[in-house]
Protein backbone atom coordinates (compact mmCIF):
# COMPACT_ATOMS: atom_id res chain seq x y z
CA MET A 1 0.00 0.00 0.00
CA VAL A 2 1.36 3.40 -1.01
CA SER A 3 1.17 6.01 1.69
CA ARG A 4 0.49 9.60 0.78
CA SER A 5 2.17 12.49 2.41
CA ARG A 6 -0.01 14.92 4.30
CA TRP A 7 0.14 17.49 1.48
CA GLN A 8 -1.01 15.06 -1.18
CA ARG A 9 -4.24 14.15 0.58
CA PRO A 10 -7.35 15.57 -1.12
CA LEU A 11 -8.70 17.08 2.12
CA THR A 12 -5.52 19.09 2.67
CA ARG A 13 -6.05 20.90 -0.62
CA TRP A 14 -9.42 22.18 0.57
CA GLN A 15 -7.92 23.17 3.90
CA LEU A 16 -5.17 25.10 2.11
CA LEU A 17 -7.75 26.81 -0.10
CA LEU A 18 -9.72 27.90 2.97
CA GLY A 19 -6.52 29.11 4.63
CA ALA A 20 -5.59 31.12 1.53
CA GLU A 21 -9.08 32.61 1.46
CA GLY A 22 -8.76 33.54 5.13
CA LEU A 23 -5.43 35.28 4.49
CA LEU A 24 -6.88 37.21 1.54
CA LEU A 25 -9.91 38.31 3.58
CA ILE A 26 -7.65 39.48 6.40
CA LEU A 27 -5.46 41.37 3.91
CA LEU A 28 -8.50 43.00 2.30
CA GLY A 29 -9.91 43.93 5.72
CA LEU A 30 -6.61 45.42 6.88
CA LEU A 31 -6.20 47.40 3.66
CA GLY A 32 -9.76 48.66 4.05
CA LEU A 33 -9.05 49.78 7.62
CA VAL A 34 -5.82 51.49 6.65
CA ASN A 35 -7.45 53.31 3.73
CA ALA A 36 -10.58 54.22 5.70
CA GLY A 37 -8.49 55.67 8.52
CA TRP A 38 -10.85 54.23 11.14
CA GLN A 39 -13.57 56.67 10.21
CA ALA A 40 -17.19 55.78 10.80
CA GLY A 41 -18.56 57.73 7.88
CA GLY A 42 -17.84 57.40 4.20
CA ALA A 43 -16.30 54.52 2.38
CA THR A 44 -12.94 54.64 0.69
CA VAL A 45 -12.25 53.08 -2.67
CA LEU A 46 -9.84 50.15 -2.59
CA VAL A 47 -9.32 48.90 -6.16
CA VAL A 48 -13.02 48.33 -6.98
CA PHE A 49 -14.35 47.93 -3.44
CA HIS A 50 -15.87 50.75 -1.39
CA LEU A 51 -14.85 49.57 2.08
CA ASN A 52 -15.75 51.35 5.28
CA THR A 53 -14.68 50.45 8.81
CA ALA A 54 -17.65 48.17 9.55
CA HIS A 55 -17.21 46.15 6.37
CA SER A 56 -13.44 45.92 6.89
CA VAL A 57 -13.95 44.58 10.43
CA LEU A 58 -16.44 42.03 9.07
CA LEU A 59 -13.84 40.88 6.53
CA LEU A 60 -11.20 40.62 9.26
CA ILE A 61 -13.48 38.48 11.44
CA ALA A 62 -14.41 36.20 8.53
CA GLY A 63 -10.75 35.77 7.59
CA ALA A 64 -9.72 34.99 11.16
CA LEU A 65 -12.52 32.42 11.50
CA ALA A 66 -11.45 30.82 8.21
CA LEU A 67 -7.90 30.43 9.51
CA VAL A 68 -9.18 28.99 12.80
CA ALA A 69 -11.44 26.49 10.99
CA ALA A 70 -8.89 25.40 8.35
CA PRO A 71 -7.00 22.68 10.30
CA TRP A 72 -10.07 20.48 10.96
CA ARG A 73 -12.37 18.73 8.54
CA ARG A 74 -15.52 19.57 10.48
CA GLY A 75 -14.36 23.16 10.89
CA VAL A 76 -13.81 23.52 7.14
CA ALA A 77 -17.22 22.03 6.37
CA LEU A 78 -18.99 24.18 8.97
CA PHE A 79 -17.26 27.38 7.91
CA ALA A 80 -17.92 26.67 4.21
CA ALA A 81 -21.61 26.03 4.89
CA VAL A 82 -21.98 29.20 6.96
CA GLN A 83 -20.05 31.17 4.33
CA MET A 84 -22.27 29.81 1.57
CA VAL A 85 -25.53 30.70 3.35
CA GLY A 86 -24.21 34.00 4.72
CA GLY A 87 -22.81 35.04 1.33
CA VAL A 88 -26.14 34.44 -0.39
CA MET A 89 -27.97 36.34 2.35
CA LEU A 90 -25.54 39.28 2.16
CA PHE A 91 -25.79 39.30 -1.63
CA VAL A 92 -29.59 39.41 -1.58
CA TYR A 93 -29.66 41.97 1.24
CA GLY A 94 -27.01 44.18 -0.34
CA THR A 95 -28.68 44.06 -3.74
CA ALA A 96 -32.04 44.99 -2.22
CA GLU A 97 -30.50 47.82 -0.19
CA SER A 98 -28.53 49.21 -3.13
CA THR A 99 -31.76 49.70 -5.05
CA ALA A 100 -33.30 51.62 -2.11
CA GLY A 101 -30.50 54.19 -1.96
CA GLU A 102 -27.11 54.54 -0.32
CA GLY A 103 -26.48 55.21 3.32
CA ARG A 104 -29.21 53.01 4.75
CA THR A 105 -26.87 50.38 6.20
CA PRO A 106 -23.62 50.64 8.16
CA PHE A 107 -21.84 48.63 5.45
CA LEU A 108 -22.64 51.00 2.52
CA LEU A 109 -22.68 48.09 0.06
CA HIS A 110 -22.03 48.78 -3.61
CA PRO A 111 -22.32 46.35 -6.56
CA ALA A 112 -18.67 45.27 -6.22
CA GLU A 113 -19.19 44.22 -2.59
CA ASN A 114 -22.41 42.43 -3.53
CA PHE A 115 -20.55 40.38 -6.11
CA LEU A 116 -17.75 39.76 -3.59
CA HIS A 117 -20.37 38.21 -1.29
CA ALA A 118 -21.80 36.18 -4.18
CA GLY A 119 -18.30 34.96 -5.07
CA LEU A 120 -17.62 34.00 -1.45
CA ALA A 121 -20.91 32.08 -1.39
CA VAL A 122 -19.91 30.16 -4.53
CA LEU A 123 -16.45 29.50 -3.08
CA GLY A 124 -18.05 28.23 0.14
CA PHE A 125 -20.23 25.88 -1.92
CA ILE A 126 -17.22 24.58 -3.86
CA ILE A 127 -15.18 24.01 -0.68
CA LEU A 128 -18.13 22.30 1.04
CA CYS A 129 -18.67 19.97 -1.92
CA GLY A 130 -14.95 19.22 -2.11
CA VAL A 131 -14.60 18.46 1.59
CA GLU A 132 -17.69 16.28 1.69
CA SER A 133 -16.67 14.35 -1.43
CA THR A 134 -13.27 13.33 -0.05
CA PRO A 135 -13.22 9.94 1.62
CA ARG A 136 -13.20 10.01 5.38
CA PRO A 137 -10.37 8.31 7.20
CA VAL A 138 -11.25 4.83 8.34
CA ARG A 139 -10.47 3.97 11.93
CA PRO A 140 -9.75 0.35 12.72
CA ARG A 141 -12.45 -1.29 14.78
CA ARG A 142 -11.55 -2.49 18.20
CA MET A 143 -12.14 -6.18 18.71
CA VAL A 144 -14.05 -7.03 21.86
CA PRO A 145 -13.06 -10.43 23.24
CA ARG A 146 -15.86 -12.99 23.58
CA HIS A 147 -16.49 -14.53 26.93
């Protein structure tokens, strides 16, 4: 039987993808905080995103939770499921609020942020499907002696 190294296992790839996503979310949140200057009001433009302090803190929290969940299979599956559902909810909410006018929410969501949430929801779905399709490790059964 050929043994695989830890990095060649299929589950590890999904864990690395979630870890990379967590690092990118933390980076985006930190850049948003630096550019916003910790102001509560208007949003600053960062590439295509209009990030304010509240949205940057939300990205930081999501990135930190992704890094915390990445080492464990159940953590990856749970985080991916929550990200999938939360991303869809934020996309629908942000799209509905953007049609009602700006300034109604503390996040000041624009179309770029709405599509960021939709993309994160799709990524959560892909990671969840990938983690759940990998075979689970089989533990040897303990033999109970007969009396």
